[in-house]
N, C-alpha and C. Protein backbone atom coordinates (compact mmCIF):
# COMPACT_ATOMS: atom_id res chain seq x y z
N UNK A 1 -15.24 7.98 -0.18
CA UNK A 1 -13.80 7.57 0.59
C UNK A 1 -12.47 7.93 0.26
N UNK A 2 -12.01 8.31 1.58
CA UNK A 2 -10.55 8.91 0.85
C UNK A 2 -9.41 8.09 1.92
N UNK A 3 -8.15 7.84 1.29
CA UNK A 3 -7.24 6.80 1.17
C UNK A 3 -6.11 8.16 2.18
N UNK A 4 -5.65 7.68 3.91
CA UNK A 4 -5.28 8.53 3.88
C UNK A 4 -4.06 8.30 4.57
N UNK A 5 -3.69 8.81 3.60
CA UNK A 5 -1.61 9.05 3.83
C UNK A 5 -0.64 10.06 4.19
N UNK A 6 -0.09 10.24 5.23
CA UNK A 6 0.53 10.95 5.57
C UNK A 6 1.60 11.42 4.13
N UNK A 7 1.88 12.18 4.43
CA UNK A 7 2.63 13.16 3.43
C UNK A 7 4.26 12.74 3.90
N UNK A 8 4.55 12.82 5.39
CA UNK A 8 5.62 12.07 5.26
C UNK A 8 6.16 11.27 6.26
N UNK A 9 5.16 9.82 5.35
CA UNK A 9 5.25 8.32 6.26
C UNK A 9 5.31 7.80 4.58
N UNK A 10 6.02 6.94 4.24
CA UNK A 10 6.47 6.36 3.11
C UNK A 10 4.89 5.39 2.87
N UNK A 11 4.95 4.69 1.69
CA UNK A 11 3.59 3.99 1.52
C UNK A 11 3.70 2.90 1.98
N UNK A 12 2.71 1.81 3.43
CA UNK A 12 3.13 0.65 3.38
C UNK A 12 3.57 -0.05 2.72
N UNK A 13 4.53 -1.17 3.11
CA UNK A 13 4.65 -2.42 2.53
C UNK A 13 3.62 -3.68 2.21
N UNK A 14 2.59 -3.58 3.68
CA UNK A 14 1.48 -4.08 3.43
C UNK A 14 0.49 -3.88 2.49
N UNK A 15 -0.34 -4.49 2.07
CA UNK A 15 -1.54 -4.26 1.26
C UNK A 15 -2.77 -3.49 1.95
N UNK A 16 -2.75 -2.62 2.47
CA UNK A 16 -3.26 -1.68 3.26
C UNK A 16 -2.73 0.05 3.30
N UNK A 17 -3.80 0.68 4.10
CA UNK A 17 -3.56 2.02 4.22
C UNK A 17 -3.65 2.74 5.21
N UNK A 18 -3.19 3.92 5.71
CA UNK A 18 -2.59 4.21 7.14
C UNK A 18 -4.03 4.40 8.29
N UNK A 19 -4.95 5.03 6.95
CA UNK A 19 -6.00 5.45 7.37
C UNK A 19 -7.30 5.60 5.65
N UNK A 20 -8.03 5.51 6.35
CA UNK A 20 -9.49 6.20 6.06
C UNK A 20 -10.34 6.82 5.74
N UNK A 21 -10.86 7.76 5.21
CA UNK A 21 -11.66 8.62 6.10
C UNK A 21 -13.04 8.30 4.98
N UNK A 22 -14.21 8.16 5.53
CA UNK A 22 -15.40 7.86 5.31
C UNK A 22 -16.76 8.60 6.34
N UNK A 23 -17.65 8.98 5.69
CA UNK A 23 -19.06 10.15 6.04
C UNK A 23 -18.70 10.43 7.42
N UNK A 24 -17.16 11.41 7.70
CA UNK A 24 -17.16 11.89 8.95
C UNK A 24 -16.28 11.50 9.93
N UNK A 25 -15.80 10.15 9.35
CA UNK A 25 -15.29 9.30 10.63
C UNK A 25 -14.16 8.47 9.75
N UNK A 26 -12.51 8.53 10.60
CA UNK A 26 -11.24 8.17 9.99
C UNK A 26 -11.08 6.85 10.36
N UNK A 27 -10.69 5.88 10.23
CA UNK A 27 -10.42 4.82 10.65
C UNK A 27 -9.27 4.61 10.54
N UNK A 28 -8.10 4.17 11.53
CA UNK A 28 -6.46 4.36 11.17
C UNK A 28 -6.15 2.83 11.32
N UNK A 29 -5.26 2.12 11.05
CA UNK A 29 -4.96 0.54 11.07
C UNK A 29 -3.98 1.24 11.90
N UNK A 30 -3.99 -0.35 12.72
CA UNK A 30 -2.89 -0.29 13.58
C UNK A 30 -1.66 0.02 13.06
N UNK A 31 -1.72 1.31 14.13
CA UNK A 31 -0.48 1.12 14.07
C UNK A 31 0.92 0.66 15.37
N UNK A 32 1.91 1.01 15.22
CA UNK A 32 3.14 -0.07 15.32
C UNK A 32 4.11 0.98 16.54
N UNK A 33 5.10 0.92 17.06
CA UNK A 33 5.84 1.75 17.48
C UNK A 33 6.89 2.16 16.53
N UNK A 34 6.93 3.31 15.16
CA UNK A 34 8.04 3.21 13.83
C UNK A 34 8.18 4.39 13.92
N UNK A 35 9.48 4.95 13.58
CA UNK A 35 10.21 6.02 12.95
C UNK A 35 9.05 6.46 12.08
N UNK A 36 8.49 7.77 12.11
CA UNK A 36 7.66 7.57 10.70
C UNK A 36 8.62 7.94 9.79
N UNK A 37 9.21 8.27 9.28
CA UNK A 37 10.81 8.42 8.21
C UNK A 37 11.00 7.11 8.10
N UNK A 38 11.22 6.84 8.81
CA UNK A 38 12.49 5.62 8.46
C UNK A 38 11.48 4.37 8.40
N UNK A 39 10.68 4.08 8.67
CA UNK A 39 9.55 3.16 9.20
C UNK A 39 10.60 1.99 9.83
N UNK A 40 11.34 2.44 10.84
CA UNK A 40 12.27 1.56 11.66
C UNK A 40 11.91 0.96 12.79
N UNK A 41 10.74 -0.10 13.22
CA UNK A 41 10.51 -0.24 14.75
C UNK A 41 11.50 -0.06 15.64
N UNK A 42 11.38 0.20 16.88
CA UNK A 42 11.61 0.78 18.05
C UNK A 42 11.38 -0.47 19.27
N UNK A 43 13.04 -1.00 19.64
CA UNK A 43 12.41 -2.36 20.47
C UNK A 43 12.70 -1.81 21.40
N UNK A 44 12.42 -0.77 21.89
CA UNK A 44 13.19 -0.29 23.51
C UNK A 44 11.75 -0.75 24.48
N UNK A 45 11.67 0.41 25.32
CA UNK A 45 11.07 -0.07 26.43
C UNK A 45 9.56 0.08 26.31
N UNK A 46 8.05 -0.12 26.60
CA UNK A 46 7.11 -0.40 26.58
C UNK A 46 6.23 1.13 26.70
N UNK A 47 7.06 1.98 27.12
CA UNK A 47 6.61 3.02 27.69
C UNK A 47 7.15 3.61 26.37
N UNK A 48 8.09 4.47 25.89
CA UNK A 48 8.90 4.46 24.81
C UNK A 48 7.68 4.08 23.62
N UNK A 49 7.52 2.59 23.71
CA UNK A 49 6.92 2.01 22.44
C UNK A 49 5.54 2.75 21.92
N UNK A 50 4.43 2.74 23.45
CA UNK A 50 3.67 3.01 23.30
C UNK A 50 3.29 4.13 22.93
N UNK A 51 4.31 5.53 23.37
CA UNK A 51 3.94 6.99 22.95
C UNK A 51 4.35 7.18 21.18
N UNK A 52 5.27 6.46 20.75
CA UNK A 52 5.67 6.10 19.39
C UNK A 52 4.26 5.57 18.47
N UNK A 53 3.48 4.59 18.99
CA UNK A 53 2.04 4.12 18.04
C UNK A 53 1.33 5.00 18.11
N UNK A 54 0.81 6.05 19.74
CA UNK A 54 0.33 6.96 20.06
C UNK A 54 -0.04 8.06 18.82
N UNK A 55 1.70 8.32 18.17
CA UNK A 55 2.42 9.37 18.04
C UNK A 55 1.81 8.91 16.80
N UNK A 56 1.91 8.22 16.32
CA UNK A 56 1.60 7.34 14.97
C UNK A 56 0.51 7.14 14.67
N UNK A 57 -0.24 7.18 15.12
CA UNK A 57 -2.18 7.33 15.18
C UNK A 57 -2.57 8.48 14.72
N UNK A 58 -1.68 9.15 15.90
CA UNK A 58 -1.77 10.84 15.91
C UNK A 58 -2.00 11.58 14.40
N UNK A 59 -0.54 11.09 13.99
CA UNK A 59 -0.14 11.60 12.71
C UNK A 59 -1.03 11.35 11.44
N UNK A 60 -1.34 9.95 11.46
CA UNK A 60 -2.44 9.87 10.62
C UNK A 60 -4.12 10.56 10.90
N UNK A 61 -4.17 10.94 12.26
CA UNK A 61 -5.47 11.20 11.88
C UNK A 61 -5.62 12.85 11.82
N UNK A 62 -4.25 13.68 12.18
CA UNK A 62 -3.91 14.77 11.88
C UNK A 62 -3.93 15.12 10.08
N UNK A 63 -3.51 14.02 9.67
CA UNK A 63 -3.10 14.17 7.60
C UNK A 63 -5.04 14.14 7.81
N UNK A 64 -6.34 13.48 8.56
CA UNK A 64 -7.41 13.37 8.20
C UNK A 64 -8.18 14.57 8.27
N UNK A 65 -7.64 15.41 9.11
CA UNK A 65 -8.22 16.12 9.78
C UNK A 65 -8.85 16.02 11.25
N UNK A 66 -8.20 15.42 11.52
CA UNK A 66 -8.43 14.82 13.10
C UNK A 66 -7.78 15.20 14.96
N UNK A 67 -7.86 15.20 15.28
CA UNK A 67 -6.66 14.32 16.46
C UNK A 67 -7.01 13.62 17.80
N UNK A 68 -6.44 13.16 18.81
CA UNK A 68 -6.65 12.21 19.50
C UNK A 68 -8.25 12.94 20.86
N UNK A 69 -8.16 14.18 20.49
CA UNK A 69 -9.56 14.61 21.63
C UNK A 69 -10.41 13.78 21.07
N UNK A 70 -10.71 13.39 19.37
CA UNK A 70 -11.53 13.44 18.69
C UNK A 70 -11.79 11.81 18.26
N UNK A 71 -10.88 11.26 19.00
CA UNK A 71 -10.95 9.64 18.80
C UNK A 71 -11.94 9.23 19.72
N UNK A 72 -13.54 8.43 18.80
CA UNK A 72 -14.11 6.97 19.50
C UNK A 72 -13.86 6.24 20.54
N UNK A 73 -13.52 5.59 19.41
CA UNK A 73 -12.94 3.91 19.33
C UNK A 73 -11.30 4.31 19.46
N UNK A 74 -10.53 3.05 20.68
CA UNK A 74 -9.06 2.92 20.12
C UNK A 74 -9.38 1.15 21.02
N UNK A 75 -8.15 0.39 19.92
CA UNK A 75 -8.09 -0.93 20.36
C UNK A 75 -6.71 -0.99 20.44
N UNK A 76 -6.38 -1.98 21.21
CA UNK A 76 -4.73 -1.75 21.57
C UNK A 76 -4.61 -3.37 22.08
N UNK A 77 -3.58 -3.25 21.23
CA UNK A 77 -2.84 -4.94 21.22
C UNK A 77 -2.03 -4.85 22.04
N UNK A 78 -1.23 -5.43 22.94
CA UNK A 78 -0.31 -5.77 23.92
C UNK A 78 0.10 -7.53 23.65
N UNK A 79 1.85 -7.27 23.86
CA UNK A 79 2.53 -8.59 23.86
C UNK A 79 2.27 -9.21 25.21
N UNK A 80 1.86 -8.48 25.76
CA UNK A 80 2.28 -9.61 27.36
C UNK A 80 1.23 -8.13 28.38
N UNK A 81 0.15 -9.14 29.18
CA UNK A 81 -0.73 -8.41 29.71
C UNK A 81 0.04 -7.19 30.86
N UNK A 82 0.95 -8.08 30.99
CA UNK A 82 1.59 -7.92 32.01
C UNK A 82 2.67 -6.26 32.48
N UNK A 83 2.27 -5.68 31.35
CA UNK A 83 2.64 -4.82 30.10
C UNK A 83 1.66 -3.76 30.31
N UNK A 84 0.81 -3.85 30.88
CA UNK A 84 -0.80 -3.19 30.86
C UNK A 84 -0.54 -1.64 31.61
N UNK A 85 -0.57 -1.78 32.77
CA UNK A 85 -0.08 -0.93 33.91
C UNK A 85 1.10 0.17 33.32
N UNK A 86 1.76 -0.19 32.77
CA UNK A 86 3.19 0.86 32.17
C UNK A 86 2.20 1.45 30.98
N UNK A 87 1.43 0.96 30.17
CA UNK A 87 1.28 1.49 28.87
C UNK A 87 -0.06 2.50 28.93
N UNK A 88 -1.05 1.55 30.28
CA UNK A 88 -1.83 2.88 30.19
C UNK A 88 -1.71 4.29 31.03
N UNK A 89 0.02 3.79 31.09
CA UNK A 89 0.03 5.81 32.60
C UNK A 89 0.49 6.21 30.89
N UNK A 90 0.91 5.74 30.16
CA UNK A 90 1.71 7.17 28.54
C UNK A 90 0.45 7.34 27.98
N UNK A 91 -0.93 6.07 28.34
CA UNK A 91 -2.29 5.99 27.29
C UNK A 91 -2.53 7.44 27.96
N UNK A 92 -2.67 7.31 29.16
CA UNK A 92 -3.79 8.69 29.86
C UNK A 92 -2.61 9.71 30.09
N UNK A 93 -2.08 9.96 30.29
CA UNK A 93 -0.83 11.15 30.39
C UNK A 93 -1.25 11.79 28.86
N UNK A 94 -1.27 10.60 27.30
CA UNK A 94 -1.57 11.53 26.29
C UNK A 94 -2.81 11.21 25.75
N UNK A 95 -3.57 11.24 26.34
CA UNK A 95 -5.06 11.47 26.09
C UNK A 95 -5.59 12.76 27.10
N UNK A 96 -5.01 12.49 28.33
CA UNK A 96 -6.05 13.99 29.03
C UNK A 96 -6.91 13.41 29.74
N UNK A 97 -7.87 13.98 29.50
CA UNK A 97 -9.20 13.49 30.20
C UNK A 97 -9.90 13.18 29.12
N UNK A 98 -9.92 12.94 27.81
CA UNK A 98 -10.92 12.34 26.76
C UNK A 98 -10.53 10.93 27.42
N UNK A 99 -11.71 10.58 27.48
CA UNK A 99 -11.63 8.75 27.52
C UNK A 99 -12.89 8.39 26.61
N UNK A 100 -11.92 8.04 25.40
CA UNK A 100 -12.87 7.15 24.16
C UNK A 100 -13.15 5.61 24.71
N UNK A 101 -13.90 5.01 23.73
CA UNK A 101 -14.24 3.62 24.20
C UNK A 101 -12.72 2.65 23.68
N UNK A 102 -12.64 1.98 24.30
CA UNK A 102 -11.33 1.19 24.63
C UNK A 102 -11.25 -0.22 24.52
N UNK A 103 -10.80 -1.42 24.19
CA UNK A 103 -10.23 -2.25 24.03
C UNK A 103 -8.81 -2.66 23.77
N UNK A 104 -8.44 -3.55 25.27
CA UNK A 104 -7.29 -4.14 24.89
C UNK A 104 -7.00 -5.43 25.19
N UNK A 105 -6.10 -5.88 23.70
CA UNK A 105 -6.21 -7.42 23.61
C UNK A 105 -4.58 -7.90 23.19
N UNK A 106 -4.15 -9.21 24.74
CA UNK A 106 -3.32 -9.36 24.57
C UNK A 106 -3.05 -10.16 23.39
N UNK A 107 -1.85 -10.09 23.01
CA UNK A 107 -1.62 -11.09 21.94
C UNK A 107 -0.49 -11.83 21.95
N UNK A 108 0.02 -12.92 21.61
CA UNK A 108 1.15 -13.59 21.82
C UNK A 108 2.68 -12.63 20.85
N UNK A 109 2.24 -12.28 19.43
CA UNK A 109 3.11 -12.01 18.64
C UNK A 109 2.98 -10.51 17.45
N UNK A 110 3.74 -9.90 18.00
CA UNK A 110 3.78 -8.70 17.06
C UNK A 110 4.40 -8.63 15.76
N UNK A 111 4.05 -7.99 14.88
CA UNK A 111 5.28 -7.64 13.89
C UNK A 111 6.83 -6.82 14.19
N UNK A 112 7.49 -6.94 13.89
CA UNK A 112 8.95 -6.52 13.92
C UNK A 112 9.37 -7.00 15.59
N UNK A 113 8.09 -7.94 16.20
CA UNK A 113 8.85 -8.14 17.39
C UNK A 113 8.84 -6.97 18.42
N UNK A 114 8.04 -5.98 18.34
CA UNK A 114 7.22 -4.77 19.10
C UNK A 114 6.29 -5.26 20.40
N UNK A 115 5.91 -4.36 21.17
CA UNK A 115 5.15 -5.58 22.01
C UNK A 115 3.80 -3.93 22.14
N UNK A 116 3.99 -3.19 21.19
CA UNK A 116 1.96 -2.70 21.05
C UNK A 116 2.00 -2.71 19.74
N UNK A 117 0.75 -2.32 18.91
CA UNK A 117 0.01 -2.26 18.32
C UNK A 117 -1.27 -1.22 18.75
N UNK A 118 -1.97 -0.44 18.24
CA UNK A 118 -2.80 1.25 17.75
C UNK A 118 -3.53 0.99 17.01
N UNK A 119 -4.98 0.65 16.99
CA UNK A 119 -5.49 1.29 16.21
C UNK A 119 -6.87 1.99 16.15
N UNK A 120 -7.98 3.36 15.74
CA UNK A 120 -8.81 3.94 15.95
C UNK A 120 -9.33 3.83 14.87
N UNK A 121 -10.28 4.71 15.86
CA UNK A 121 -11.75 5.54 14.88
C UNK A 121 -12.20 6.76 15.54
N UNK A 122 -12.07 7.91 14.63
CA UNK A 122 -12.47 8.85 14.76
C UNK A 122 -13.19 10.19 14.04
N UNK A 123 -13.70 10.76 14.80
CA UNK A 123 -14.60 11.88 14.37
C UNK A 123 -13.82 13.49 13.35
N UNK A 124 -14.05 13.30 12.32
CA UNK A 124 -13.04 13.99 11.61
C UNK A 124 -13.88 15.73 12.18
N UNK A 125 -12.97 16.53 12.81
CA UNK A 125 -13.73 17.82 13.39
C UNK A 125 -14.30 18.56 12.40
N UNK A 126 -14.52 18.32 11.48
CA UNK A 126 -15.36 19.74 10.33
C UNK A 126 -16.71 18.95 10.92
N UNK A 127 -16.44 17.89 10.26
CA UNK A 127 -17.88 16.77 10.76
C UNK A 127 -18.73 17.08 11.53
N UNK A 128 -18.10 17.65 12.49
CA UNK A 128 -19.28 17.78 14.10
C UNK A 128 -19.89 18.58 13.95
């Protein structure tokens, strides 16, 4: 097992790792719409929050030798299901033709009052 900690990101304050690689799979912890360097949350529109959260997932994947195209499953937590249409538009644009398994879970509150959190499981490129 290998902890995945992108070099350009600070160590998380909580008791978790941004990602873990094991047996050719990468497990990415829930990523919020945070600035990768300052770890400050973005409290603006859901479209920008969705892109930031996906970019943060992508940063962990890249550190592990993977990318969004190798995602097998994503779990998306959204604070208001009414936002889903806008989330899905950004998600579809960023994922392109790749359609991994996915779960969308409406939740009451997310940390830092953000509107979205995204976790993923992906294959490491070399393991394919």
